Amino acid sequence: MSPAGGPEVVCVGETMVVLAPDDGGSLERAARLTVGVGGAESNVAAGLARLGHRAAWVSRVGDDPFGRRVVAEVAAAGVDVSLVIVDPDAPTGLYLKDPTPVGTRVHYHRAGSAASRLGAADLTRSGLAGARLLHLSGITAALSGTCRDLLVSALDGRALPGARVSFDVNHRPALWPADRAAPVLHGLADRADVVLVGLDEAAGLWAADDPADVRALLPGPELVVVKDGPVGATALPRTGPAVFVPALPVDVVEPVGAGDAFAAGFLSGLLRGLDLRACLRLGHLTAAPVLVVPGDTAPPPDPETIARALALPETMWTAQVRGGSGR
């Protein structure tokens, strides 16, 4: 059953089983693989649930052991999974991580997956009414025509009346090259209310060199957030000045999942009615714990640490937050 009052946030997209060498070495030479679960939208849902929000994840999984594992792990993070459909005719998606000296490569096995059968009808089922936020990502656009129909229904048809729509560009070159993805992702992003995009993504897709260029290319959204890795993040509202907050200095183990954690923190701030500077700080606070672990998710700092960090004077932000959060 859905939590009392229904979900505050609805996140839609594919989550897969992840296989990775358990020794951190290359996939080619691995003797054993660890099994995990990974998906951008469910990562955001889990992050929001851990921050105290009623979050639901809408997706499809196969009627197989991997599908059951995916649903169980997302539910264990406190996310409502009651609207996930189990498809008896398509498998749960799978991807493999291959660590290399220059970064981790990802190999997908998701063509024809259960989640690729998501469509506009998945946003019309009971149990979603009243949500304040609908979160989507550009990954879904690459999965199938029906998945793209879902995004169009969400953005143009406003399938969840009254809900703000956030869109994380999340370009995955392994799914589709930049020349095909660029116009599709631009069109989708410009119809959302809140857009999150990495500066490196924007450069690769649209030749945008700085946050102001990204904002100029996306005049439609009420708010555009441009993330620049270890440098920081900039929020650019449609009206009013841009706000930049530097990232927290951490020793990065693996960056996978940190963008989703940042999104969860930032969106949590919007849901709480915080100002943009506090929203960006909360994004950095939730991303930092993910950067220092090999997995795709990690618990956020405790509420007291978050409250202290959000209240810090500007000059004390980086140094005192790093010490206060134990990293």
C-alpha atoms as a PDB file:
ATOM      1  CA  MET A   1       0.000   0.000   0.000  1.00  0.00           C
ATOM      2  CA  SER A   2       1.051   3.606  -0.510  1.00  0.00           C
ATOM      3  CA  PRO A   3       2.084   5.590   2.566  1.00  0.00           C
ATOM      4  CA  ALA A   4      -0.689   7.609   4.217  1.00  0.00           C
ATOM      5  CA  GLY A   5      -1.420  10.691   2.143  1.00  0.00           C
ATOM      6  CA  GLY A   6       0.150   9.256  -0.991  1.00  0.00           C
ATOM      7  CA  PRO A   7       3.578  10.150  -2.378  1.00  0.00           C
ATOM      8  CA  GLU A   8       4.993  13.651  -2.183  1.00  0.00           C
ATOM      9  CA  VAL A   9       7.472  12.835  -4.971  1.00  0.00           C
ATOM     10  CA  VAL A  10       7.164  10.394  -7.874  1.00  0.00           C
ATOM     11  CA  CYS A  11      10.330   9.213  -9.635  1.00  0.00           C
ATOM     12  CA  VAL A  12       9.990   7.291 -12.909  1.00  0.00           C
ATOM     13  CA  GLY A  13      12.614   5.222 -14.706  1.00  0.00           C
ATOM     14  CA  GLU A  14      14.549   1.984 -15.027  1.00  0.00           C
ATOM     15  CA  THR A  15      16.553   0.356 -12.258  1.00  0.00           C
ATOM     16  CA  MET A  16      18.826  -2.586 -13.013  1.00  0.00           C
ATOM     17  CA  VAL A  17      20.951  -5.152 -11.300  1.00  0.00           C
ATOM     18  CA  VAL A  18      24.633  -4.164 -11.234  1.00  0.00           C
ATOM     19  CA  LEU A  19      27.522  -6.628 -11.414  1.00  0.00           C
ATOM     20  CA  ALA A  20      31.015  -5.397 -10.516  1.00  0.00           C
ATOM     21  CA  PRO A  21      34.383  -7.029  -9.712  1.00  0.00           C
ATOM     22  CA  ASP A  22      34.536  -7.474  -5.959  1.00  0.00           C
ATOM     23  CA  ASP A  23      38.248  -6.627  -5.857  1.00  0.00           C
ATOM     24  CA  GLY A  24      37.942  -3.363  -7.757  1.00  0.00           C
ATOM     25  CA  GLY A  25      39.971  -4.758 -10.652  1.00  0.00           C
ATOM     26  CA  SER A  26      39.040  -5.118 -14.293  1.00  0.00           C
ATOM     27  CA  LEU A  27      35.978  -7.049 -15.356  1.00  0.00           C
ATOM     28  CA  GLU A  28      38.079  -9.116 -17.764  1.00  0.00           C
ATOM     29  CA  ARG A  29      40.216 -10.548 -14.965  1.00  0.00           C
ATOM     30  CA  ALA A  30      37.633 -10.697 -12.176  1.00  0.00           C
ATOM     31  CA  ALA A  31      37.206 -13.999 -10.360  1.00  0.00           C
ATOM     32  CA  ARG A  32      34.091 -12.898  -8.483  1.00  0.00           C
ATOM     33  CA  LEU A  33      31.391 -10.297  -9.042  1.00  0.00           C
ATOM     34  CA  THR A  34      29.337  -8.483  -6.449  1.00  0.00           C
ATOM     35  CA  VAL A  35      25.632  -7.952  -7.083  1.00  0.00           C
ATOM     36  CA  GLY A  36      24.023  -4.589  -6.490  1.00  0.00           C
ATOM     37  CA  VAL A  37      21.169  -2.444  -7.723  1.00  0.00           C
ATOM     38  CA  GLY A  38      21.414   0.812  -9.635  1.00  0.00           C
ATOM     39  CA  GLY A  39      19.118   3.279 -11.347  1.00  0.00           C
ATOM     40  CA  ALA A  40      19.229   7.062 -11.497  1.00  0.00           C
ATOM     41  CA  GLU A  41      15.583   7.728 -10.711  1.00  0.00           C
ATOM     42  CA  SER A  42      15.280   5.167  -7.901  1.00  0.00           C
ATOM     43  CA  ASN A  43      18.525   6.567  -6.460  1.00  0.00           C
ATOM     44  CA  VAL A  44      16.840   9.971  -6.295  1.00  0.00           C
ATOM     45  CA  ALA A  45      13.737   8.419  -4.736  1.00  0.00           C
ATOM     46  CA  ALA A  46      15.873   6.670  -2.115  1.00  0.00           C
ATOM     47  CA  GLY A  47      17.747   9.880  -1.349  1.00  0.00           C
ATOM     48  CA  LEU A  48      14.525  11.811  -0.900  1.00  0.00           C
ATOM     49  CA  ALA A  49      13.054   9.075   1.309  1.00  0.00           C
ATOM     50  CA  ARG A  50      16.141   9.144   3.516  1.00  0.00           C
ATOM     51  CA  LEU A  51      15.680  12.900   3.843  1.00  0.00           C
ATOM     52  CA  GLY A  52      12.164  12.388   5.168  1.00  0.00           C
ATOM     53  CA  HIS A  53       9.993  12.711   2.055  1.00  0.00           C
ATOM     54  CA  ARG A  54       7.265  10.321   0.912  1.00  0.00           C
ATOM     55  CA  ALA A  55       8.810   9.106  -2.343  1.00  0.00           C
ATOM     56  CA  ALA A  56       7.381   6.600  -4.820  1.00  0.00           C
ATOM     57  CA  TRP A  57       9.212   4.872  -7.654  1.00  0.00           C
ATOM     58  CA  VAL A  58       7.275   3.939 -10.813  1.00  0.00           C
ATOM     59  CA  SER A  59       8.845   1.361 -13.104  1.00  0.00           C
ATOM     60  CA  ARG A  60       8.657  -2.146 -14.522  1.00  0.00           C
ATOM     61  CA  VAL A  61      10.814  -5.162 -13.709  1.00  0.00           C
ATOM     62  CA  GLY A  62      10.910  -8.720 -14.987  1.00  0.00           C
ATOM     63  CA  ASP A  63       9.264 -11.608 -13.194  1.00  0.00           C
ATOM     64  CA  ASP A  64      12.682 -12.945 -12.270  1.00  0.00           C
ATOM     65  CA  PRO A  65      15.067 -13.068  -9.284  1.00  0.00           C
ATOM     66  CA  PHE A  66      16.822  -9.856 -10.355  1.00  0.00           C
ATOM     67  CA  GLY A  67      13.499  -8.022 -10.558  1.00  0.00           C
ATOM     68  CA  ARG A  68      12.555  -9.139  -7.069  1.00  0.00           C
ATOM     69  CA  ARG A  69      15.951  -8.038  -5.775  1.00  0.00           C
ATOM     70  CA  VAL A  70      15.610  -4.611  -7.376  1.00  0.00           C
ATOM     71  CA  VAL A  71      12.187  -4.002  -5.858  1.00  0.00           C
ATOM     72  CA  ALA A  72      13.268  -5.248  -2.426  1.00  0.00           C
ATOM     73  CA  GLU A  73      16.371  -3.030  -2.289  1.00  0.00           C
ATOM     74  CA  VAL A  74      14.531   0.103  -3.411  1.00  0.00           C
ATOM     75  CA  ALA A  75      11.797  -0.603  -0.858  1.00  0.00           C
ATOM     76  CA  ALA A  76      14.424  -1.102   1.869  1.00  0.00           C
ATOM     77  CA  ALA A  77      15.469   2.539   1.362  1.00  0.00           C
ATOM     78  CA  GLY A  78      11.982   3.624   2.390  1.00  0.00           C
ATOM     79  CA  VAL A  79      10.590   4.131  -1.109  1.00  0.00           C
ATOM     80  CA  ASP A  80       6.994   3.223  -2.001  1.00  0.00           C
ATOM     81  CA  VAL A  81       7.228   0.493  -4.685  1.00  0.00           C
ATOM     82  CA  SER A  82       3.534  -0.371  -4.811  1.00  0.00           C
ATOM     83  CA  LEU A  83       3.219   0.999  -8.358  1.00  0.00           C
ATOM     84  CA  VAL A  84       6.044  -1.081  -9.854  1.00  0.00           C
ATOM     85  CA  ILE A  85       4.700  -3.524 -12.456  1.00  0.00           C
ATOM     86  CA  VAL A  86       6.135  -7.041 -12.707  1.00  0.00           C
ATOM     87  CA  ASP A  87       6.278  -8.007 -16.387  1.00  0.00           C
ATOM     88  CA  PRO A  88       6.171 -11.771 -17.068  1.00  0.00           C
ATOM     89  CA  ASP A  89       7.303 -11.350 -20.674  1.00  0.00           C
ATOM     90  CA  ALA A  90      10.453  -9.209 -20.405  1.00  0.00           C
ATOM     91  CA  PRO A  91      13.593  -9.394 -18.251  1.00  0.00           C
ATOM     92  CA  THR A  92      15.011  -7.049 -15.656  1.00  0.00           C
ATOM     93  CA  GLY A  93      17.842  -4.945 -17.069  1.00  0.00           C
ATOM     94  CA  LEU A  94      21.470  -5.585 -16.179  1.00  0.00           C
ATOM     95  CA  TYR A  95      24.702  -3.639 -16.345  1.00  0.00           C
ATOM     96  CA  LEU A  96      28.307  -4.369 -15.531  1.00  0.00           C
ATOM     97  CA  LYS A  97      30.942  -2.040 -14.125  1.00  0.00           C
ATOM     98  CA  ASP A  98      34.457  -2.352 -15.496  1.00  0.00           C
ATOM     99  CA  PRO A  99      36.985  -0.333 -13.443  1.00  0.00           C
ATOM    100  CA  THR A 100      39.978   0.903 -15.438  1.00  0.00           C
ATOM    101  CA  PRO A 101      42.913   3.198 -14.580  1.00  0.00           C
ATOM    102  CA  VAL A 102      41.149   6.068 -16.352  1.00  0.00           C
ATOM    103  CA  GLY A 103      37.685   5.521 -14.901  1.00  0.00           C
ATOM    104  CA  THR A 104      34.866   3.015 -14.727  1.00  0.00           C
ATOM    105  CA  ARG A 105      33.328   1.808 -17.974  1.00  0.00           C
ATOM    106  CA  VAL A 106      29.749   0.552 -18.025  1.00  0.00           C
ATOM    107  CA  HIS A 107      28.383  -2.254 -20.187  1.00  0.00           C
ATOM    108  CA  TYR A 108      24.582  -2.385 -20.535  1.00  0.00           C
ATOM    109  CA  HIS A 109      22.369  -5.402 -21.128  1.00  0.00           C
ATOM    110  CA  ARG A 110      18.997  -3.683 -21.123  1.00  0.00           C
ATOM    111  CA  ALA A 111      17.612  -3.840 -24.676  1.00  0.00           C
ATOM    112  CA  GLY A 112      14.077  -5.214 -24.535  1.00  0.00           C
ATOM    113  CA  SER A 113      13.977  -4.982 -20.757  1.00  0.00           C
ATOM    114  CA  ALA A 114      10.751  -4.762 -18.809  1.00  0.00           C
ATOM    115  CA  ALA A 115      11.378  -1.078 -18.108  1.00  0.00           C
ATOM    116  CA  SER A 116      11.730  -0.329 -21.814  1.00  0.00           C
ATOM    117  CA  ARG A 117       7.981  -1.079 -21.951  1.00  0.00           C
ATOM    118  CA  LEU A 118       7.156   1.892 -19.741  1.00  0.00           C
ATOM    119  CA  GLY A 119       4.687   4.241 -21.398  1.00  0.00           C
ATOM    120  CA  ALA A 120       2.355   7.180 -20.868  1.00  0.00           C
ATOM    121  CA  ALA A 121      -0.265   4.939 -19.259  1.00  0.00           C
ATOM    122  CA  ASP A 122       2.084   4.328 -16.334  1.00  0.00           C
ATOM    123  CA  LEU A 123       1.441   7.893 -15.187  1.00  0.00           C
ATOM    124  CA  THR A 124      -2.342   7.550 -15.231  1.00  0.00           C
ATOM    125  CA  ARG A 125      -2.712   4.863 -12.570  1.00  0.00           C
ATOM    126  CA  SER A 126      -4.324   5.617  -9.232  1.00  0.00           C
ATOM    127  CA  GLY A 127      -2.013   6.328  -6.335  1.00  0.00           C
ATOM    128  CA  LEU A 128      -0.077   9.201  -7.893  1.00  0.00           C
ATOM    129  CA  ALA A 129      -2.566  12.031  -7.444  1.00  0.00           C
ATOM    130  CA  GLY A 130      -1.481  14.835  -5.168  1.00  0.00           C
ATOM    131  CA  ALA A 131       2.264  14.484  -5.728  1.00  0.00           C
ATOM    132  CA  ARG A 132       4.122  17.784  -5.503  1.00  0.00           C
ATOM    133  CA  LEU A 133       7.030  16.730  -7.709  1.00  0.00           C
ATOM    134  CA  LEU A 134       7.527  14.373 -10.669  1.00  0.00           C
ATOM    135  CA  HIS A 135      11.161  13.507 -11.333  1.00  0.00           C
ATOM    136  CA  LEU A 136      12.350  12.206 -14.714  1.00  0.00           C
ATOM    137  CA  SER A 137      15.643  11.789 -16.523  1.00  0.00           C
ATOM    138  CA  GLY A 138      17.025  11.705 -20.028  1.00  0.00           C
ATOM    139  CA  ILE A 139      17.995   8.059 -19.620  1.00  0.00           C
ATOM    140  CA  THR A 140      14.347   7.090 -20.099  1.00  0.00           C
ATOM    141  CA  ALA A 141      14.252   8.866 -23.460  1.00  0.00           C
ATOM    142  CA  ALA A 142      16.902   6.496 -24.820  1.00  0.00           C
ATOM    143  CA  LEU A 143      15.156   3.263 -23.865  1.00  0.00           C
ATOM    144  CA  SER A 144      12.243   3.049 -26.334  1.00  0.00           C
ATOM    145  CA  GLY A 145       9.574   4.956 -28.201  1.00  0.00           C
ATOM    146  CA  THR A 146       6.990   4.261 -25.503  1.00  0.00           C
ATOM    147  CA  CYS A 147       9.395   5.543 -22.861  1.00  0.00           C
ATOM    148  CA  ARG A 148       9.754   8.749 -24.813  1.00  0.00           C
ATOM    149  CA  ASP A 149       5.957   8.954 -25.016  1.00  0.00           C
ATOM    150  CA  LEU A 150       5.897   8.830 -21.209  1.00  0.00           C
ATOM    151  CA  LEU A 151       8.214  11.832 -21.012  1.00  0.00           C
ATOM    152  CA  VAL A 152       6.157  13.792 -23.516  1.00  0.00           C
ATOM    153  CA  SER A 153       2.984  13.003 -21.563  1.00  0.00           C
ATOM    154  CA  ALA A 154       4.641  14.175 -18.360  1.00  0.00           C
ATOM    155  CA  LEU A 155       6.065  17.372 -19.807  1.00  0.00           C
ATOM    156  CA  ASP A 156       3.436  18.443 -22.346  1.00  0.00           C
ATOM    157  CA  GLY A 157       0.311  16.741 -21.025  1.00  0.00           C
ATOM    158  CA  ARG A 158       1.259  17.333 -17.378  1.00  0.00           C
ATOM    159  CA  ALA A 159       0.119  13.817 -16.509  1.00  0.00           C
ATOM    160  CA  LEU A 160       0.313  14.616 -12.780  1.00  0.00           C
ATOM    161  CA  PRO A 161      -1.716  17.834 -12.408  1.00  0.00           C
ATOM    162  CA  GLY A 162      -0.222  20.307  -9.983  1.00  0.00           C
ATOM    163  CA  ALA A 163       3.144  18.572  -9.793  1.00  0.00           C
ATOM    164  CA  ARG A 164       6.338  20.409 -10.601  1.00  0.00           C
ATOM    165  CA  VAL A 165       8.393  18.418 -13.134  1.00  0.00           C
ATOM    166  CA  SER A 166      12.144  18.058 -12.615  1.00  0.00           C
ATOM    167  CA  PHE A 167      14.358  16.649 -15.365  1.00  0.00           C
ATOM    168  CA  ASP A 168      17.946  15.461 -14.987  1.00  0.00           C
ATOM    169  CA  VAL A 169      19.541  15.450 -18.444  1.00  0.00           C
ATOM    170  CA  ASN A 170      21.648  12.360 -17.610  1.00  0.00           C
ATOM    171  CA  HIS A 171      23.083  11.733 -21.080  1.00  0.00           C
ATOM    172  CA  ARG A 172      24.456   8.186 -21.356  1.00  0.00           C
ATOM    173  CA  PRO A 173      26.745   7.932 -24.427  1.00  0.00           C
ATOM    174  CA  ALA A 174      26.639   4.131 -24.214  1.00  0.00           C
ATOM    175  CA  LEU A 175      22.895   4.302 -24.917  1.00  0.00           C
ATOM    176  CA  TRP A 176      22.928   6.897 -27.693  1.00  0.00           C
ATOM    177  CA  PRO A 177      25.578   9.193 -29.189  1.00  0.00           C
ATOM    178  CA  ALA A 178      25.551  12.916 -28.558  1.00  0.00           C
ATOM    179  CA  ASP A 179      24.494  13.850 -32.090  1.00  0.00           C
ATOM    180  CA  ARG A 180      21.244  11.856 -31.726  1.00  0.00           C
ATOM    181  CA  ALA A 181      20.661  12.663 -28.088  1.00  0.00           C
ATOM    182  CA  ALA A 182      21.341  16.408 -28.190  1.00  0.00           C
ATOM    183  CA  PRO A 183      18.146  17.680 -29.883  1.00  0.00           C
ATOM    184  CA  VAL A 184      15.900  15.225 -28.016  1.00  0.00           C
ATOM    185  CA  LEU A 185      17.327  16.037 -24.599  1.00  0.00           C
ATOM    186  CA  HIS A 186      17.288  19.757 -25.317  1.00  0.00           C
ATOM    187  CA  GLY A 187      13.621  19.650 -26.284  1.00  0.00           C
ATOM    188  CA  LEU A 188      12.659  17.660 -23.204  1.00  0.00           C
ATOM    189  CA  ALA A 189      14.737  19.752 -20.804  1.00  0.00           C
ATOM    190  CA  ASP A 190      13.348  23.038 -22.078  1.00  0.00           C
ATOM    191  CA  ARG A 191       9.798  21.902 -21.242  1.00  0.00           C
ATOM    192  CA  ALA A 192      10.535  20.961 -17.616  1.00  0.00           C
ATOM    193  CA  ASP A 193      10.130  23.217 -14.596  1.00  0.00           C
ATOM    194  CA  VAL A 194      13.478  22.347 -12.997  1.00  0.00           C
ATOM    195  CA  VAL A 195      16.482  21.058 -14.967  1.00  0.00           C
ATOM    196  CA  LEU A 196      19.688  19.543 -13.621  1.00  0.00           C
ATOM    197  CA  VAL A 197      22.645  19.085 -15.963  1.00  0.00           C
ATOM    198  CA  GLY A 198      26.389  18.623 -15.676  1.00  0.00           C
ATOM    199  CA  LEU A 199      28.515  21.280 -17.335  1.00  0.00           C
ATOM    200  CA  ASP A 200      30.474  18.513 -19.060  1.00  0.00           C
ATOM    201  CA  GLU A 201      27.194  17.089 -20.405  1.00  0.00           C
ATOM    202  CA  ALA A 202      26.052  20.479 -21.642  1.00  0.00           C
ATOM    203  CA  ALA A 203      29.400  21.017 -23.361  1.00  0.00           C
ATOM    204  CA  GLY A 204      29.262  17.628 -25.073  1.00  0.00           C
ATOM    205  CA  LEU A 205      25.635  17.915 -26.120  1.00  0.00           C
ATOM    206  CA  TRP A 206      25.150  21.598 -26.880  1.00  0.00           C
ATOM    207  CA  ALA A 207      28.641  23.177 -26.881  1.00  0.00           C
ATOM    208  CA  ALA A 208      27.754  25.242 -23.804  1.00  0.00           C
ATOM    209  CA  ASP A 209      30.895  26.459 -22.048  1.00  0.00           C
ATOM    210  CA  ASP A 210      29.537  27.939 -18.809  1.00  0.00           C
ATOM    211  CA  PRO A 211      26.336  28.039 -16.742  1.00  0.00           C
ATOM    212  CA  ALA A 212      25.145  31.254 -18.377  1.00  0.00           C
ATOM    213  CA  ASP A 213      25.380  29.590 -21.804  1.00  0.00           C
ATOM    214  CA  VAL A 214      23.312  26.653 -20.543  1.00  0.00           C
ATOM    215  CA  ARG A 215      20.654  28.995 -19.159  1.00  0.00           C
ATOM    216  CA  ALA A 216      20.499  30.855 -22.484  1.00  0.00           C
ATOM    217  CA  LEU A 217      19.992  27.577 -24.331  1.00  0.00           C
ATOM    218  CA  LEU A 218      17.188  26.566 -21.947  1.00  0.00           C
ATOM    219  CA  PRO A 219      14.895  29.601 -21.570  1.00  0.00           C
ATOM    220  CA  GLY A 220      11.810  27.536 -20.717  1.00  0.00           C
ATOM    221  CA  PRO A 221      12.426  26.114 -17.215  1.00  0.00           C
ATOM    222  CA  GLU A 222      11.786  28.196 -14.129  1.00  0.00           C
ATOM    223  CA  LEU A 223      15.118  26.969 -12.781  1.00  0.00           C
ATOM    224  CA  VAL A 224      18.275  25.441 -14.295  1.00  0.00           C
ATOM    225  CA  VAL A 225      20.978  23.882 -12.094  1.00  0.00           C
ATOM    226  CA  VAL A 226      24.414  23.381 -13.645  1.00  0.00           C
ATOM    227  CA  LYS A 227      26.779  21.004 -11.819  1.00  0.00           C
ATOM    228  CA  ASP A 228      30.529  21.354 -12.329  1.00  0.00           C
ATOM    229  CA  GLY A 229      31.976  18.347 -10.498  1.00  0.00           C
ATOM    230  CA  PRO A 230      34.406  19.247  -7.708  1.00  0.00           C
ATOM    231  CA  VAL A 231      34.104  22.959  -8.490  1.00  0.00           C
ATOM    232  CA  GLY A 232      30.508  23.433  -7.376  1.00  0.00           C
ATOM    233  CA  ALA A 233      27.008  24.020  -8.715  1.00  0.00           C
ATOM    234  CA  THR A 234      25.112  27.049  -9.988  1.00  0.00           C
ATOM    235  CA  ALA A 235      21.361  27.623  -9.798  1.00  0.00           C
ATOM    236  CA  LEU A 236      20.022  29.969 -12.464  1.00  0.00           C
ATOM    237  CA  PRO A 237      16.394  31.048 -11.996  1.00  0.00           C
ATOM    238  CA  ARG A 238      14.393  32.491 -14.883  1.00  0.00           C
ATOM    239  CA  THR A 239      14.387  35.814 -13.055  1.00  0.00           C
ATOM    240  CA  GLY A 240      16.891  36.963 -10.463  1.00  0.00           C
ATOM    241  CA  PRO A 241      20.622  36.404 -10.010  1.00  0.00           C
ATOM    242  CA  ALA A 242      22.469  33.117 -10.404  1.00  0.00           C
ATOM    243  CA  VAL A 243      23.622  31.466  -7.177  1.00  0.00           C
ATOM    244  CA  PHE A 244      26.864  29.468  -6.947  1.00  0.00           C
ATOM    245  CA  VAL A 245      27.874  27.195  -4.066  1.00  0.00           C
ATOM    246  CA  PRO A 246      31.266  25.420  -4.071  1.00  0.00           C
ATOM    247  CA  ALA A 247      31.375  21.655  -3.679  1.00  0.00           C
ATOM    248  CA  LEU A 248      32.682  19.968  -0.562  1.00  0.00           C
ATOM    249  CA  PRO A 249      36.281  18.703  -0.794  1.00  0.00           C
ATOM    250  CA  VAL A 250      36.281  14.895  -0.531  1.00  0.00           C
ATOM    251  CA  ASP A 251      38.579  12.058  -1.575  1.00  0.00           C
ATOM    252  CA  VAL A 252      36.566  10.556  -4.417  1.00  0.00           C
ATOM    253  CA  VAL A 253      36.352   6.769  -4.567  1.00  0.00           C
ATOM    254  CA  GLU A 254      33.777   6.607  -7.384  1.00  0.00           C
ATOM    255  CA  PRO A 255      31.504   9.335  -8.774  1.00  0.00           C
ATOM    256  CA  VAL A 256      28.673   7.054  -9.941  1.00  0.00           C
ATOM    257  CA  GLY A 257      25.453   7.984  -8.154  1.00  0.00           C
ATOM    258  CA  ALA A 258      26.695  11.289  -6.758  1.00  0.00           C
ATOM    259  CA  GLY A 259      24.667  13.274  -9.288  1.00  0.00           C
ATOM    260  CA  ASP A 260      21.521  11.449  -8.207  1.00  0.00           C
ATOM    261  CA  ALA A 261      22.290  12.167  -4.556  1.00  0.00           C
ATOM    262  CA  PHE A 262      22.860  15.835  -5.389  1.00  0.00           C
ATOM    263  CA  ALA A 263      19.507  15.908  -7.176  1.00  0.00           C
ATOM    264  CA  ALA A 264      17.783  14.368  -4.150  1.00  0.00           C
ATOM    265  CA  GLY A 265      19.288  16.948  -1.818  1.00  0.00           C
ATOM    266  CA  PHE A 266      18.556  19.898  -4.068  1.00  0.00           C
ATOM    267  CA  LEU A 267      14.977  18.793  -4.723  1.00  0.00           C
ATOM    268  CA  SER A 268      14.465  18.184  -1.015  1.00  0.00           C
ATOM    269  CA  GLY A 269      15.457  21.786  -0.434  1.00  0.00           C
ATOM    270  CA  LEU A 270      12.899  22.991  -2.983  1.00  0.00           C
ATOM    271  CA  LEU A 271      10.190  20.864  -1.371  1.00  0.00           C
ATOM    272  CA  ARG A 272      11.081  22.373   2.012  1.00  0.00           C
ATOM    273  CA  GLY A 273      10.863  25.897   0.624  1.00  0.00           C
ATOM    274  CA  LEU A 274      14.560  26.677   1.204  1.00  0.00           C
ATOM    275  CA  ASP A 275      16.332  29.412  -0.706  1.00  0.00           C
ATOM    276  CA  LEU A 276      18.543  28.453  -3.638  1.00  0.00           C
ATOM    277  CA  ARG A 277      21.795  28.705  -1.691  1.00  0.00           C
ATOM    278  CA  ALA A 278      20.499  26.289   0.938  1.00  0.00           C
ATOM    279  CA  CYS A 279      19.160  23.952  -1.769  1.00  0.00           C
ATOM    280  CA  LEU A 280      22.602  23.813  -3.398  1.00  0.00           C
ATOM    281  CA  ARG A 281      24.282  23.204  -0.043  1.00  0.00           C
ATOM    282  CA  LEU A 282      21.879  20.361   0.672  1.00  0.00           C
ATOM    283  CA  GLY A 283      22.700  18.886  -2.735  1.00  0.00           C
ATOM    284  CA  HIS A 284      26.418  18.942  -1.946  1.00  0.00           C
ATOM    285  CA  LEU A 285      25.828  17.494   1.525  1.00  0.00           C
ATOM    286  CA  THR A 286      23.961  14.490   0.121  1.00  0.00           C
ATOM    287  CA  ALA A 287      26.390  13.960  -2.774  1.00  0.00           C
ATOM    288  CA  ALA A 288      29.553  13.915  -0.635  1.00  0.00           C
ATOM    289  CA  PRO A 289      28.853  10.589   1.167  1.00  0.00           C
ATOM    290  CA  VAL A 290      28.258   8.852  -2.190  1.00  0.00           C
ATOM    291  CA  LEU A 291      31.544  10.098  -3.621  1.00  0.00           C
ATOM    292  CA  VAL A 292      33.568   8.387  -0.886  1.00  0.00           C
ATOM    293  CA  VAL A 293      32.086   4.873  -1.273  1.00  0.00           C
ATOM    294  CA  PRO A 294      32.208   2.391  -4.182  1.00  0.00           C
ATOM    295  CA  GLY A 295      28.415   1.991  -4.343  1.00  0.00           C
ATOM    296  CA  ASP A 296      25.800   4.162  -6.052  1.00  0.00           C
ATOM    297  CA  THR A 297      24.070   5.339  -2.854  1.00  0.00           C
ATOM    298  CA  ALA A 298      24.934   6.238   0.737  1.00  0.00           C
ATOM    299  CA  PRO A 299      22.962   7.619   3.681  1.00  0.00           C
ATOM    300  CA  PRO A 300      22.970  11.420   3.928  1.00  0.00           C
ATOM    301  CA  PRO A 301      24.402  13.211   6.959  1.00  0.00           C
ATOM    302  CA  ASP A 302      22.202  13.193  10.036  1.00  0.00           C
ATOM    303  CA  PRO A 303      19.602  15.978  10.390  1.00  0.00           C
ATOM    304  CA  GLU A 304      21.629  17.858  13.016  1.00  0.00           C
ATOM    305  CA  THR A 305      24.691  17.990  10.744  1.00  0.00           C
ATOM    306  CA  ILE A 306      22.536  19.171   7.863  1.00  0.00           C
ATOM    307  CA  ALA A 307      20.910  21.886   9.965  1.00  0.00           C
ATOM    308  CA  ARG A 308      24.300  23.176  11.152  1.00  0.00           C
ATOM    309  CA  ALA A 309      25.710  23.149   7.625  1.00  0.00           C
ATOM    310  CA  LEU A 310      22.776  25.040   6.160  1.00  0.00           C
ATOM    311  CA  ALA A 311      23.143  27.718   8.843  1.00  0.00           C
ATOM    312  CA  LEU A 312      26.890  28.288   8.331  1.00  0.00           C
ATOM    313  CA  PRO A 313      28.107  31.727   7.224  1.00  0.00           C
ATOM    314  CA  GLU A 314      29.367  31.747   3.661  1.00  0.00           C
ATOM    315  CA  THR A 315      33.042  31.958   4.629  1.00  0.00           C
ATOM    316  CA  MET A 316      32.788  28.903   6.899  1.00  0.00           C
ATOM    317  CA  TRP A 317      30.898  26.630   4.487  1.00  0.00           C
ATOM    318  CA  THR A 318      33.579  24.362   3.031  1.00  0.00           C
ATOM    319  CA  ALA A 319      35.986  23.892   5.937  1.00  0.00           C
ATOM    320  CA  GLN A 320      33.464  23.523   8.767  1.00  0.00           C
ATOM    321  CA  VAL A 321      31.057  21.273   6.875  1.00  0.00           C
ATOM    322  CA  ARG A 322      33.877  18.913   5.986  1.00  0.00           C
ATOM    323  CA  GLY A 323      34.933  18.601   9.611  1.00  0.00           C
ATOM    324  CA  GLY A 324      31.423  18.489  11.023  1.00  0.00           C
ATOM    325  CA  SER A 325      30.311  15.659   8.741  1.00  0.00           C
ATOM    326  CA  GLY A 326      33.230  13.430   9.675  1.00  0.00           C
ATOM    327  CA  ARG A 327      34.793  13.240   6.224  1.00  0.00           C
END
